Amino acid sequence: MNASTTLLERMALARESAPATRRAILQAMLEDPDRTLEESFEQLAERSGSSVPTIMRTCRDLGFAGLREFKLALAQELALGGSPLHRRVNIADAADEVVGKIARSAAASVAGVRNQLDMDVLQAAVDAIAGATHIDIVGAGNTSWFMATDLQARLFRLGLSATAWADYHLQQVAAGAQKAGGVVVAITHVGGMPSLLDAVDIARAQGAKVVAITRPGTPLAARADWLLGLTVPDDAVMHVGIDAYLVHLTLIEVLTVLVAQRVGEPAVRRLRGVREALQRHGVDVRTHPLQSWDGDGVQRG
């Protein structure tokens, strides 16, 4: 097969000689590649009248370890067909098409977070954050700085000792003040900023552990005690585009809820106290009922 053959062309060729069940899977994928990116194993199996194991074998026949790797390759290829403004949009698309394509793309990115996370690693990272003597949160670039401050505000409200650092020099100073029992959460999609890597190295030398939110295979990922690895297709405009924003924000929300569960009632009391203090001063007066988890695991308003 020619090295320049596209993935869609390879799928079409494979369809011609595939057994009936795999041919149905390939046909379903080719008929609506965008929908394929959004579907789970089970949804694709139902649409193609096949099974999850058969979908896995079909992906392997195409040279991929599984559906996730296949989807990433398909998303990269579809990105080439879009406009310079967005990887899924054609330059002549009408406004309703633009809205629909961008919304579906965003939803697919968020939906893909679950399949990319290792639950054991995630739980270990949550335990480390919940039990840390102090948490320093560092990011590289405007987007990652925002993520760092957002996570800091959430953890602080749960009663944890957490600080977000934007200045590169202060990141390294804070890392030098870390110690065993402390945790550094490093956030960067690119994963290779030298100053951030220096801060991580310093913190590790002081005995702190590192939770990394970045792409697998980056220099930061190699330094992590717990890697929460998230990969998204390249953006047509910016090196770090909306897909990276959304998956990182989704992961931060997941971390916040899991850490709150891990801390338990003290976190609930802290959240209640913060809300009541703000309400007394006329701030945040329109809020939803505070959620709590009692001893029998039942969630109550």
Protein backbone atom coordinates (compact mmCIF):
# COMPACT_ATOMS: atom_id res chain seq x y z
CA MET A 1 0.00 0.00 0.00
CA ASN A 2 1.29 3.46 -0.88
CA ALA A 3 2.69 5.36 2.11
CA SER A 4 0.61 8.38 1.10
CA THR A 5 -2.66 6.42 1.28
CA THR A 6 -5.02 8.12 3.71
CA LEU A 7 -6.75 6.35 6.58
CA LEU A 8 -10.14 6.71 4.90
CA GLU A 9 -8.71 5.16 1.73
CA ARG A 10 -7.25 2.29 3.75
CA MET A 11 -10.63 1.72 5.36
CA ALA A 12 -12.35 1.68 1.98
CA LEU A 13 -9.84 -0.84 0.63
CA ALA A 14 -10.15 -3.04 3.73
CA ARG A 15 -13.93 -3.00 3.39
CA GLU A 16 -13.78 -4.69 -0.02
CA SER A 17 -12.22 -7.91 1.31
CA ALA A 18 -13.36 -7.90 4.96
CA PRO A 19 -15.74 -10.50 6.44
CA ALA A 20 -19.36 -9.39 6.61
CA THR A 21 -19.35 -8.17 10.22
CA ARG A 22 -16.15 -6.16 9.83
CA ARG A 23 -17.35 -4.83 6.49
CA ALA A 24 -20.45 -3.48 8.24
CA ILE A 25 -18.27 -1.71 10.82
CA LEU A 26 -16.07 -0.13 8.17
CA GLN A 27 -19.13 0.93 6.20
CA ALA A 28 -20.66 2.60 9.25
CA MET A 29 -17.41 4.44 9.94
CA LEU A 30 -17.02 5.60 6.35
CA GLU A 31 -20.62 6.78 6.07
CA ASP A 32 -20.22 9.20 8.99
CA PRO A 33 -16.62 9.66 10.21
CA ASP A 34 -17.58 12.60 12.43
CA ARG A 35 -20.16 10.48 14.24
CA THR A 36 -17.59 7.71 14.65
CA LEU A 37 -15.38 10.10 16.62
CA GLU A 38 -18.20 10.76 19.08
CA GLU A 39 -19.37 7.19 19.62
CA SER A 40 -18.36 4.71 22.31
CA PHE A 41 -17.50 1.08 21.58
CA GLU A 42 -21.04 0.08 22.44
CA GLN A 43 -22.71 2.78 20.33
CA LEU A 44 -20.64 1.94 17.27
CA ALA A 45 -21.34 -1.77 17.76
CA GLU A 46 -25.08 -1.11 17.93
CA ARG A 47 -25.04 1.13 14.85
CA SER A 48 -23.08 -1.40 12.79
CA GLY A 49 -24.87 -4.49 14.10
CA SER A 50 -21.65 -5.98 15.45
CA SER A 51 -19.87 -6.37 18.79
CA VAL A 52 -17.18 -4.57 20.77
CA PRO A 53 -14.59 -7.38 20.26
CA THR A 54 -15.20 -7.24 16.49
CA ILE A 55 -14.66 -3.48 16.49
CA MET A 56 -11.37 -4.00 18.35
CA ARG A 57 -10.24 -6.57 15.77
CA THR A 58 -11.21 -4.18 12.95
CA CYS A 59 -9.10 -1.40 14.48
CA ARG A 60 -6.17 -3.81 14.83
CA ASP A 61 -6.54 -4.87 11.20
CA LEU A 62 -6.03 -1.21 10.30
CA GLY A 63 -2.84 -1.09 12.37
CA PHE A 64 -4.12 0.42 15.65
CA ALA A 65 -3.94 -0.94 19.19
CA GLY A 66 -7.57 -0.04 19.85
CA LEU A 67 -10.48 2.30 19.17
CA ARG A 68 -8.87 5.24 20.99
CA GLU A 69 -5.74 5.16 18.81
CA PHE A 70 -7.89 4.75 15.71
CA LYS A 71 -10.05 7.74 16.68
CA LEU A 72 -7.03 9.96 17.23
CA ALA A 73 -5.68 9.09 13.79
CA LEU A 74 -9.09 9.65 12.20
CA ALA A 75 -9.49 13.01 13.95
CA GLN A 76 -6.07 14.11 12.70
CA GLU A 77 -7.01 13.17 9.15
CA LEU A 78 -10.39 14.90 9.29
CA ALA A 79 -8.65 18.00 10.59
CA LEU A 80 -6.80 18.33 7.30
CA GLY A 81 -10.09 18.71 5.48
CA GLY A 82 -11.33 21.67 7.48
CA SER A 83 -10.69 25.37 7.05
CA PRO A 84 -7.83 27.38 8.60
CA LEU A 85 -10.39 28.50 11.20
CA HIS A 86 -11.40 25.12 12.64
CA ARG A 87 -10.42 21.53 11.96
CA ARG A 88 -14.01 20.35 11.39
CA VAL A 89 -15.41 23.34 9.48
CA ASN A 90 -15.30 23.93 5.74
CA ILE A 91 -14.78 27.52 4.64
CA ALA A 92 -18.15 27.64 2.84
CA ASP A 93 -20.25 26.13 5.67
CA ALA A 94 -23.38 28.04 6.69
CA ALA A 95 -23.71 29.40 10.23
CA ASP A 96 -25.88 26.53 11.46
CA GLU A 97 -23.37 24.02 10.09
CA VAL A 98 -20.51 25.82 11.83
CA VAL A 99 -22.38 25.81 15.15
CA GLY A 100 -23.27 22.13 14.80
CA LYS A 101 -19.78 20.99 13.82
CA ILE A 102 -18.01 22.93 16.56
CA ALA A 103 -20.51 21.77 19.19
CA ARG A 104 -20.14 18.12 18.11
CA SER A 105 -16.36 18.45 18.08
CA ALA A 106 -16.38 19.90 21.60
CA ALA A 107 -18.74 17.20 22.86
CA ALA A 108 -16.57 14.46 21.35
CA SER A 109 -13.48 15.85 23.07
CA VAL A 110 -15.16 15.90 26.47
CA ALA A 111 -16.66 12.44 25.96
CA GLY A 112 -13.19 11.10 25.15
CA VAL A 113 -11.79 12.03 28.57
CA ARG A 114 -13.18 8.88 30.22
CA ASN A 115 -11.54 6.53 27.74
CA GLN A 116 -8.14 8.17 28.13
CA LEU A 117 -7.90 8.08 31.92
CA ASP A 118 -6.40 5.18 33.84
CA MET A 119 -8.76 4.83 36.82
CA ASP A 120 -6.10 3.38 39.13
CA VAL A 121 -3.70 6.24 38.37
CA LEU A 122 -6.50 8.78 38.77
CA GLN A 123 -7.48 7.41 42.17
CA ALA A 124 -3.86 7.37 43.31
CA ALA A 125 -3.48 11.01 42.24
CA VAL A 126 -6.68 11.93 44.10
CA ASP A 127 -5.43 10.20 47.27
CA ALA A 128 -2.10 12.04 47.02
CA ILE A 129 -3.75 15.45 46.56
CA ALA A 130 -6.29 14.87 49.35
CA GLY A 131 -3.57 13.81 51.78
CA ALA A 132 -0.86 16.29 50.79
CA THR A 133 0.67 18.62 53.38
CA HIS A 134 0.71 21.32 50.69
CA ILE A 135 -0.12 21.46 46.99
CA ASP A 136 1.66 23.74 44.53
CA ILE A 137 -0.06 24.07 41.16
CA VAL A 138 1.99 25.27 38.19
CA GLY A 139 1.19 25.86 34.54
CA ALA A 140 3.00 26.99 31.40
CA GLY A 141 1.29 29.57 29.20
CA ASN A 142 -1.90 31.60 29.54
CA THR A 143 -4.31 28.69 29.26
CA SER A 144 -2.45 26.49 31.74
CA TRP A 145 -2.11 29.39 34.17
CA PHE A 146 -5.88 29.79 34.11
CA MET A 147 -6.32 26.06 34.73
CA ALA A 148 -3.86 26.21 37.62
CA THR A 149 -5.66 29.10 39.34
CA ASP A 150 -9.04 27.44 38.78
CA LEU A 151 -7.86 24.21 40.39
CA GLN A 152 -6.27 26.14 43.27
CA ALA A 153 -9.54 27.97 44.00
CA ARG A 154 -11.43 24.68 44.03
CA LEU A 155 -8.98 22.86 46.31
CA PHE A 156 -8.72 25.84 48.64
CA ARG A 157 -12.51 25.84 49.09
CA LEU A 158 -12.28 22.19 50.12
CA GLY A 159 -9.96 23.19 52.95
CA LEU A 160 -6.70 22.03 51.38
CA SER A 161 -3.48 24.02 51.47
CA ALA A 162 -2.96 24.90 47.81
CA THR A 163 -1.18 27.68 45.92
CA ALA A 164 -1.08 28.40 42.17
CA TRP A 165 2.06 30.00 40.75
CA ALA A 166 2.19 31.81 37.40
CA ASP A 167 5.63 33.44 37.58
CA TYR A 168 8.31 31.03 36.39
CA HIS A 169 10.84 32.09 39.01
CA LEU A 170 8.30 31.76 41.84
CA GLN A 171 7.36 28.31 40.54
CA GLN A 172 10.95 27.27 41.10
CA VAL A 173 11.16 29.00 44.50
CA ALA A 174 7.98 27.24 45.61
CA ALA A 175 9.37 23.94 44.35
CA GLY A 176 12.47 24.52 46.48
CA ALA A 177 10.24 24.94 49.53
CA GLN A 178 8.45 21.64 48.91
CA LYS A 179 9.14 18.55 50.99
CA ALA A 180 8.12 14.93 51.42
CA GLY A 181 4.36 14.75 51.75
CA GLY A 182 3.83 17.63 49.37
CA VAL A 183 2.39 17.44 45.85
CA VAL A 184 3.00 19.50 42.73
CA VAL A 185 0.27 19.51 40.09
CA ALA A 186 1.81 20.52 36.76
CA ILE A 187 -0.57 21.49 33.95
CA THR A 188 0.51 21.96 30.34
CA HIS A 189 -0.82 20.53 27.09
CA VAL A 190 2.53 20.91 25.33
CA GLY A 191 4.48 19.38 28.21
CA GLY A 192 7.95 20.64 27.39
CA MET A 193 8.42 24.15 28.80
CA PRO A 194 11.97 24.16 30.26
CA SER A 195 11.17 26.47 33.19
CA LEU A 196 8.23 24.32 34.30
CA LEU A 197 10.32 21.17 33.95
CA ASP A 198 12.98 22.79 36.14
CA ALA A 199 10.37 23.50 38.82
CA VAL A 200 9.18 19.89 38.68
CA ASP A 201 12.74 18.58 38.96
CA ILE A 202 13.43 20.82 41.97
CA ALA A 203 10.24 19.70 43.73
CA ARG A 204 11.02 16.05 43.12
CA ALA A 205 14.52 16.53 44.55
CA GLN A 206 12.87 17.93 47.70
CA GLY A 207 10.80 14.77 48.09
CA ALA A 208 7.49 16.02 46.65
CA LYS A 209 5.35 13.94 44.31
CA VAL A 210 4.16 15.14 40.91
CA VAL A 211 0.73 14.88 39.28
CA ALA A 212 1.00 15.82 35.59
CA ILE A 213 -1.89 16.87 33.39
CA THR A 214 -0.40 16.75 29.91
CA ARG A 215 -0.08 14.63 26.79
CA PRO A 216 1.51 11.18 27.10
CA GLY A 217 5.04 11.01 25.75
CA THR A 218 6.06 14.55 26.75
CA PRO A 219 9.06 15.42 28.95
CA LEU A 220 6.66 16.34 31.75
CA ALA A 221 4.87 13.00 31.44
CA ALA A 222 8.20 11.23 31.94
CA ARG A 223 8.72 13.11 35.22
CA ALA A 224 5.28 12.40 36.69
CA ASP A 225 4.56 10.10 39.59
CA TRP A 226 0.97 10.06 38.36
CA LEU A 227 0.28 10.93 34.73
CA LEU A 228 -3.23 12.06 33.87
CA GLY A 229 -2.57 11.92 30.15
CA LEU A 230 -4.97 13.54 27.70
CA THR A 231 -4.46 13.71 23.94
CA VAL A 232 -6.52 15.82 21.55
CA PRO A 233 -6.26 16.42 17.79
CA ASP A 234 -4.18 19.37 16.64
CA ASP A 235 -6.00 22.69 16.39
CA ALA A 236 -6.16 24.45 13.02
CA VAL A 237 -5.38 27.88 14.48
CA MET A 238 -3.56 27.64 17.80
CA HIS A 239 -1.07 25.15 19.17
CA VAL A 240 -3.33 24.78 22.20
CA GLY A 241 -6.92 25.00 21.01
CA ILE A 242 -10.40 24.57 22.42
CA ASP A 243 -10.19 20.77 22.60
CA ALA A 244 -7.26 21.01 25.01
CA TYR A 245 -9.10 23.63 27.10
CA LEU A 246 -12.19 21.47 27.39
CA VAL A 247 -10.52 18.19 28.30
CA HIS A 248 -8.35 19.89 30.95
CA LEU A 249 -11.33 21.69 32.47
CA THR A 250 -13.28 18.44 32.51
CA LEU A 251 -10.43 16.68 34.28
CA ILE A 252 -10.17 19.49 36.83
CA GLU A 253 -13.88 19.09 37.60
CA VAL A 254 -13.39 15.33 37.98
CA LEU A 255 -10.44 15.88 40.33
CA THR A 256 -12.39 18.38 42.42
CA VAL A 257 -15.35 16.04 42.97
CA LEU A 258 -13.17 12.99 43.69
CA VAL A 259 -10.96 14.91 46.11
CA ALA A 260 -14.08 16.23 47.87
CA GLN A 261 -15.36 12.68 48.22
CA ARG A 262 -11.98 11.56 49.52
CA VAL A 263 -11.78 14.36 52.11
CA GLY A 264 -15.38 13.71 53.11
CA GLU A 265 -17.41 15.64 55.66
CA PRO A 266 -14.67 18.20 56.49
CA ALA A 267 -14.77 19.33 52.85
CA VAL A 268 -18.56 19.61 52.98
CA ARG A 269 -18.41 21.67 56.18
CA ARG A 270 -15.79 23.92 54.61
CA LEU A 271 -17.90 24.46 51.48
CA ARG A 272 -20.94 25.18 53.61
CA GLY A 273 -19.00 27.66 55.73
CA VAL A 274 -17.65 29.49 52.68
CA ARG A 275 -21.11 29.75 51.18
CA GLU A 276 -22.71 30.98 54.39
CA ALA A 277 -19.98 33.59 54.90
CA LEU A 278 -20.48 34.92 51.39
CA GLN A 279 -24.25 34.95 51.75
CA ARG A 280 -24.02 36.97 54.97
CA HIS A 281 -22.22 39.65 52.97
CA GLY A 282 -24.61 39.52 50.03
CA VAL A 283 -22.30 37.50 47.76
CA ASP A 284 -23.28 34.27 45.96
CA VAL A 285 -26.81 34.49 47.34
CA ARG A 286 -28.29 32.56 44.43
CA THR A 287 -26.70 29.12 44.76
CA HIS A 288 -27.85 25.56 44.41
CA PRO A 289 -28.34 23.39 47.52
CA LEU A 290 -25.01 22.10 48.80
CA GLN A 291 -24.51 18.43 48.07
CA SER A 292 -23.27 16.13 50.79
CA TRP A 293 -22.42 12.47 51.23
CA ASP A 294 -23.42 10.83 54.50
CA GLY A 295 -22.00 7.70 55.98
CA ASP A 296 -24.22 5.29 54.03
CA GLY A 297 -23.05 6.73 50.69
CA VAL A 298 -26.38 8.36 49.86
CA GLN A 299 -26.07 11.75 48.17
CA ARG A 300 -28.38 14.34 49.77
CA GLY A 301 -29.21 17.97 48.96
